[in-house]
N, C-alpha and C. Protein backbone atom coordinates (compact mmCIF):
# COMPACT_ATOMS: atom_id res chain seq x y z
N MET A 1 86.53 97.19 85.98
CA MET A 1 85.73 97.00 87.11
C MET A 1 86.08 98.82 87.83
N ALA A 2 85.58 99.48 88.41
CA ALA A 2 85.59 100.51 89.04
C ALA A 2 84.88 101.16 90.08
N VAL A 3 85.27 101.31 91.38
CA VAL A 3 84.56 101.64 92.72
C VAL A 3 84.37 103.18 93.15
N ASP A 4 83.48 103.39 93.96
CA ASP A 4 83.24 105.13 94.71
C ASP A 4 84.19 105.07 95.94
N ILE A 5 85.47 105.48 95.55
CA ILE A 5 86.25 105.70 96.88
C ILE A 5 86.01 107.20 97.21
N ARG A 6 84.75 107.91 96.77
CA ARG A 6 84.43 109.48 97.36
C ARG A 6 83.70 109.33 98.78
N THR A 7 84.47 109.88 99.93
CA THR A 7 83.90 110.07 101.35
C THR A 7 82.43 110.90 101.35
N SER A 8 82.04 110.18 101.86
CA SER A 8 80.76 110.94 101.58
C SER A 8 79.55 111.10 100.42
N SER A 9 80.13 110.28 99.47
CA SER A 9 79.35 110.25 98.24
C SER A 9 78.37 109.36 98.49
N PRO A 10 77.13 109.17 97.96
CA PRO A 10 75.68 108.61 97.80
C PRO A 10 75.95 107.21 97.39
N THR A 11 77.35 106.76 96.44
CA THR A 11 77.42 105.87 96.21
C THR A 11 78.70 105.10 96.42
N PHE A 12 79.38 105.73 97.42
CA PHE A 12 80.41 105.49 98.16
C PHE A 12 80.33 104.02 98.60
N GLY A 13 81.61 103.09 97.66
CA GLY A 13 81.68 101.79 97.51
C GLY A 13 81.14 100.74 97.13
N GLN A 14 80.04 101.68 95.67
CA GLN A 14 79.63 100.98 94.78
C GLN A 14 80.31 100.78 93.86
N TRP A 15 80.03 99.91 93.49
CA TRP A 15 80.92 99.36 91.69
C TRP A 15 80.33 99.27 90.84
N ALA A 16 81.20 99.30 89.49
CA ALA A 16 80.29 99.09 88.22
C ALA A 16 81.67 98.29 87.43
N ALA A 17 80.80 97.34 86.11
CA ALA A 17 81.96 96.69 85.71
C ALA A 17 81.16 96.33 84.04
N VAL A 18 82.48 95.90 83.37
CA VAL A 18 81.92 96.16 81.97
C VAL A 18 83.41 95.10 81.29
N GLU A 19 82.60 94.05 81.01
CA GLU A 19 83.57 93.28 80.19
C GLU A 19 84.29 93.74 78.71
N LEU A 20 85.48 94.25 78.84
CA LEU A 20 86.00 94.80 77.53
C LEU A 20 86.31 93.40 76.73
N SER A 21 86.77 94.23 75.14
CA SER A 21 87.18 92.93 74.39
C SER A 21 87.27 93.73 73.09
N PRO A 22 88.39 93.28 72.01
CA PRO A 22 88.51 93.53 71.08
C PRO A 22 86.89 93.29 70.30
N GLU A 23 86.68 92.39 70.44
CA GLU A 23 85.10 91.84 69.48
C GLU A 23 84.23 93.64 69.95
N ASN A 24 83.81 93.99 71.09
CA ASN A 24 82.71 94.72 71.09
C ASN A 24 83.31 95.93 71.62
N GLY A 25 84.91 96.33 71.45
CA GLY A 25 85.42 97.66 71.07
C GLY A 25 84.90 99.00 72.55
N GLU A 26 84.51 97.90 73.68
CA GLU A 26 84.31 99.34 74.64
C GLU A 26 85.33 99.86 75.54
N GLN A 27 84.97 101.01 76.13
CA GLN A 27 86.00 101.42 77.14
C GLN A 27 85.21 101.59 78.05
N LEU A 28 85.86 102.08 79.31
CA LEU A 28 85.62 102.20 80.61
C LEU A 28 86.12 103.75 81.07
N TRP A 29 85.02 104.46 81.61
CA TRP A 29 85.99 106.00 81.55
C TRP A 29 85.89 105.58 83.45
N VAL A 30 86.64 105.84 84.02
CA VAL A 30 86.90 105.72 85.73
C VAL A 30 87.25 107.43 85.81
N PRO A 31 86.18 107.97 86.64
CA PRO A 31 86.49 109.49 87.19
C PRO A 31 87.15 109.48 87.89
N ALA A 32 87.98 110.64 88.52
CA ALA A 32 88.72 111.08 89.78
C ALA A 32 87.43 110.24 90.66
N GLY A 33 88.13 109.94 91.93
CA GLY A 33 88.07 109.93 93.25
C GLY A 33 86.96 107.98 93.15
N PHE A 34 87.24 107.13 91.95
CA PHE A 34 87.23 105.74 91.51
C PHE A 34 88.58 105.36 91.78
N ALA A 35 88.16 104.10 92.40
CA ALA A 35 89.26 103.14 92.24
C ALA A 35 89.07 102.32 90.87
N HIS A 36 90.10 101.63 89.89
CA HIS A 36 89.97 100.74 89.36
C HIS A 36 90.65 99.59 89.16
N GLY A 37 89.95 98.47 88.84
CA GLY A 37 90.65 97.06 88.54
C GLY A 37 90.37 96.81 87.30
N PHE A 38 91.13 95.82 87.12
CA PHE A 38 91.23 94.46 85.92
C PHE A 38 91.84 93.07 86.21
N MET A 39 90.58 92.04 85.13
CA MET A 39 91.33 90.86 85.53
C MET A 39 91.10 90.68 83.85
N THR A 40 92.57 89.63 83.29
CA THR A 40 92.48 89.44 82.04
C THR A 40 91.68 87.95 82.10
N LEU A 41 91.05 87.46 80.96
CA LEU A 41 90.10 86.16 80.71
C LEU A 41 91.17 85.42 79.77
N VAL A 42 91.65 85.94 79.04
CA VAL A 42 92.56 85.56 78.41
C VAL A 42 93.94 85.65 78.33
N ALA A 43 94.90 84.68 78.01
CA ALA A 43 96.34 85.22 78.17
C ALA A 43 97.00 85.75 76.83
N ASP A 44 98.10 86.40 77.33
CA ASP A 44 98.68 87.43 76.33
C ASP A 44 97.85 88.70 76.17
N THR A 45 97.26 89.66 77.29
CA THR A 45 96.61 90.56 77.09
C THR A 45 97.39 91.20 77.02
N VAL A 46 96.94 92.56 76.38
CA VAL A 46 97.51 93.95 76.71
C VAL A 46 96.65 95.03 77.14
N ILE A 47 96.71 95.61 78.33
CA ILE A 47 96.00 96.64 78.70
C ILE A 47 96.49 97.81 78.71
N SER A 48 95.43 99.21 77.88
CA SER A 48 95.89 100.11 77.97
C SER A 48 95.22 101.04 78.63
N TYR A 49 96.01 102.15 78.67
CA TYR A 49 95.29 103.23 79.83
C TYR A 49 94.96 104.33 78.67
N LYS A 50 93.98 105.17 78.90
CA LYS A 50 94.05 106.38 78.65
C LYS A 50 93.94 107.51 79.84
N VAL A 51 95.01 108.24 80.08
CA VAL A 51 95.15 109.28 81.37
C VAL A 51 94.37 110.72 81.56
N THR A 52 94.29 111.46 81.83
CA THR A 52 94.06 112.91 81.86
C THR A 52 95.52 113.73 82.45
N ALA A 53 95.89 113.13 83.28
CA ALA A 53 97.70 113.72 83.66
C ALA A 53 98.68 112.75 83.76
N PRO A 54 100.12 112.81 84.14
CA PRO A 54 101.16 111.80 84.22
C PRO A 54 101.19 110.75 85.49
N TYR A 55 101.44 110.11 85.62
CA TYR A 55 101.38 108.95 86.54
C TYR A 55 102.44 110.22 87.69
N SER A 56 101.44 110.13 89.17
CA SER A 56 101.91 110.20 90.09
C SER A 56 102.26 109.55 91.14
N ALA A 57 103.46 109.35 91.83
CA ALA A 57 103.47 107.31 92.65
C ALA A 57 102.87 108.32 93.88
N ALA A 58 103.01 109.63 93.93
CA ALA A 58 102.46 110.47 95.35
C ALA A 58 101.09 110.17 95.36
N HIS A 59 99.92 109.95 94.56
CA HIS A 59 98.84 109.88 94.53
C HIS A 59 98.32 108.82 93.86
N ASP A 60 98.88 107.94 93.95
CA ASP A 60 98.67 106.20 93.54
C ASP A 60 97.53 105.67 94.65
N ARG A 61 96.59 105.39 94.65
CA ARG A 61 95.82 105.06 95.68
C ARG A 61 95.16 103.27 95.44
N GLY A 62 94.94 102.50 96.50
CA GLY A 62 94.07 101.53 96.07
C GLY A 62 93.34 100.91 97.02
N VAL A 63 92.77 100.22 97.13
CA VAL A 63 91.69 99.25 98.02
C VAL A 63 92.02 97.77 97.39
N LYS A 64 91.69 97.02 98.71
CA LYS A 64 91.81 95.42 98.67
C LYS A 64 90.65 94.84 97.39
N TRP A 65 91.08 93.94 96.49
CA TRP A 65 90.66 93.82 95.21
C TRP A 65 89.71 92.66 95.75
N ASP A 66 89.41 91.60 96.74
CA ASP A 66 88.38 91.43 96.71
C ASP A 66 87.76 91.45 98.37
N ASP A 67 87.54 92.70 98.85
CA ASP A 67 87.13 93.66 100.00
C ASP A 67 85.53 92.92 100.09
N PRO A 68 85.09 92.24 101.04
CA PRO A 68 83.60 91.79 100.96
C PRO A 68 82.33 92.83 101.18
N ALA A 69 82.96 94.21 101.51
CA ALA A 69 82.31 95.20 101.77
C ALA A 69 81.96 96.06 100.58
N ILE A 70 82.74 95.84 99.29
CA ILE A 70 82.06 95.86 98.11
C ILE A 70 81.83 94.94 97.25
N GLY A 71 81.93 93.82 97.59
CA GLY A 71 81.23 92.56 96.77
C GLY A 71 81.41 92.30 95.28
N ILE A 72 82.62 92.70 94.83
CA ILE A 72 82.98 92.41 93.45
C ILE A 72 82.84 91.28 93.20
N ASN A 73 81.76 90.70 92.15
CA ASN A 73 81.66 89.62 91.46
C ASN A 73 83.03 89.03 90.21
N TRP A 74 84.18 88.70 91.21
CA TRP A 74 85.56 88.53 89.78
C TRP A 74 84.97 87.08 89.32
N PRO A 75 85.23 86.66 88.28
CA PRO A 75 85.03 85.68 87.53
C PRO A 75 86.80 84.69 88.12
N ASN A 76 86.49 83.72 87.77
CA ASN A 76 87.93 82.73 87.85
C ASN A 76 88.66 83.27 88.88
N VAL A 77 88.48 83.65 90.20
CA VAL A 77 90.04 83.86 90.90
C VAL A 77 90.52 82.85 91.66
N GLY A 78 90.17 81.68 90.99
CA GLY A 78 91.13 80.60 91.40
C GLY A 78 92.28 80.78 91.12
N ASP A 79 92.80 81.24 89.54
CA ASP A 79 94.11 81.34 89.05
C ASP A 79 94.13 82.38 89.47
N CYS A 80 93.74 83.51 90.02
CA CYS A 80 94.55 84.84 90.03
C CYS A 80 95.80 85.15 90.19
N VAL A 81 96.57 85.73 89.37
CA VAL A 81 98.00 86.54 90.07
C VAL A 81 97.99 87.75 90.33
N LEU A 82 98.09 88.17 91.66
CA LEU A 82 98.01 89.55 92.06
C LEU A 82 99.80 90.04 91.78
N SER A 83 100.16 91.33 91.71
CA SER A 83 101.22 91.69 91.77
C SER A 83 100.86 92.18 93.63
N ASP A 84 102.43 92.26 94.63
CA ASP A 84 102.72 92.55 95.66
C ASP A 84 102.32 93.76 96.21
N LYS A 85 102.05 95.11 95.21
CA LYS A 85 101.25 95.87 95.43
C LYS A 85 99.49 96.09 95.93
N ASP A 86 99.33 95.11 95.20
CA ASP A 86 97.69 94.96 94.92
C ASP A 86 97.21 94.11 96.13
N ALA A 87 98.03 93.00 96.30
CA ALA A 87 97.80 91.94 97.36
C ALA A 87 98.14 92.52 98.79
N LYS A 88 98.35 94.11 98.61
CA LYS A 88 99.06 94.49 100.11
C LYS A 88 97.79 95.76 100.49
N GLN A 89 97.06 96.04 99.60
CA GLN A 89 96.01 97.13 99.90
C GLN A 89 95.01 96.75 100.55
N PRO A 90 94.55 98.58 101.56
CA PRO A 90 93.77 98.32 102.67
C PRO A 90 92.15 97.93 102.15
N LEU A 91 91.49 97.14 103.36
CA LEU A 91 89.93 97.23 103.15
C LEU A 91 89.34 98.42 102.83
N LEU A 92 88.44 98.78 102.26
CA LEU A 92 87.55 99.69 102.29
C LEU A 92 87.45 101.00 103.41
N SER A 93 87.10 100.44 104.37
CA SER A 93 86.79 100.82 105.66
C SER A 93 87.90 101.25 105.97
N GLU A 94 88.91 100.93 105.74
CA GLU A 94 90.63 101.50 106.15
C GLU A 94 90.79 102.45 105.34
N LEU A 95 90.64 102.59 104.28
CA LEU A 95 90.87 103.66 103.54
C LEU A 95 91.07 105.24 104.31
N PRO A 96 91.94 106.00 104.47
CA PRO A 96 92.12 107.37 105.06
C PRO A 96 91.15 107.91 103.41
N GLU A 97 90.70 109.48 104.36
CA GLU A 97 89.68 110.15 103.12
C GLU A 97 90.37 111.20 102.03
N TYR A 98 91.17 109.90 100.86
CA TYR A 98 91.48 110.39 99.90
C TYR A 98 90.78 111.57 99.41
N PHE A 99 89.82 111.58 98.74
CA PHE A 99 88.64 112.10 98.07
C PHE A 99 87.42 112.24 98.64
N THR A 100 86.78 113.72 98.58
CA THR A 100 85.45 113.82 99.21
C THR A 100 84.82 114.26 98.17
N TYR A 101 83.35 113.41 98.36
CA TYR A 101 81.94 114.24 97.29
C TYR A 101 81.98 115.41 97.54
N ARG A 102 81.41 115.98 96.67
CA ARG A 102 80.85 117.39 96.45
C ARG A 102 79.63 117.53 95.49
N ASN A 103 78.70 117.72 96.28
CA ASN A 103 77.07 117.53 95.10
C ASN A 103 77.33 119.21 94.45
N THR A 104 77.49 119.08 93.10
CA THR A 104 77.27 120.37 92.20
C THR A 104 75.94 120.70 92.18
N GLU A 105 75.00 119.56 92.29
CA GLU A 105 73.73 120.06 91.76
C GLU A 105 73.68 121.23 92.48
N ASN A 106 73.67 122.28 93.34
CA ASN A 106 72.95 122.93 93.63
C ASN A 106 73.14 124.29 93.32
């Protein structure tokens, strides 16, 4: 799942999701200015990331996983286990302006 958190983007707050599995071999590209999240649907899942830069704690951002303003349709959330970090993320409406949308079509 990826959600646009770029201020003044025409798709701000909208999300897209795809189910990834060994069988379908798909990947999900998450561009700069988007938050991402995942939910494993089977036990003993390994998650691998490809990134464009080394991790920077100073640039680590997040948004509340179940924010009703975003409305992500998570499956099976009754058994959900969250990290402390994920449980404390702000709502989309509370986010500072981390990223600003720039229209590059002009």
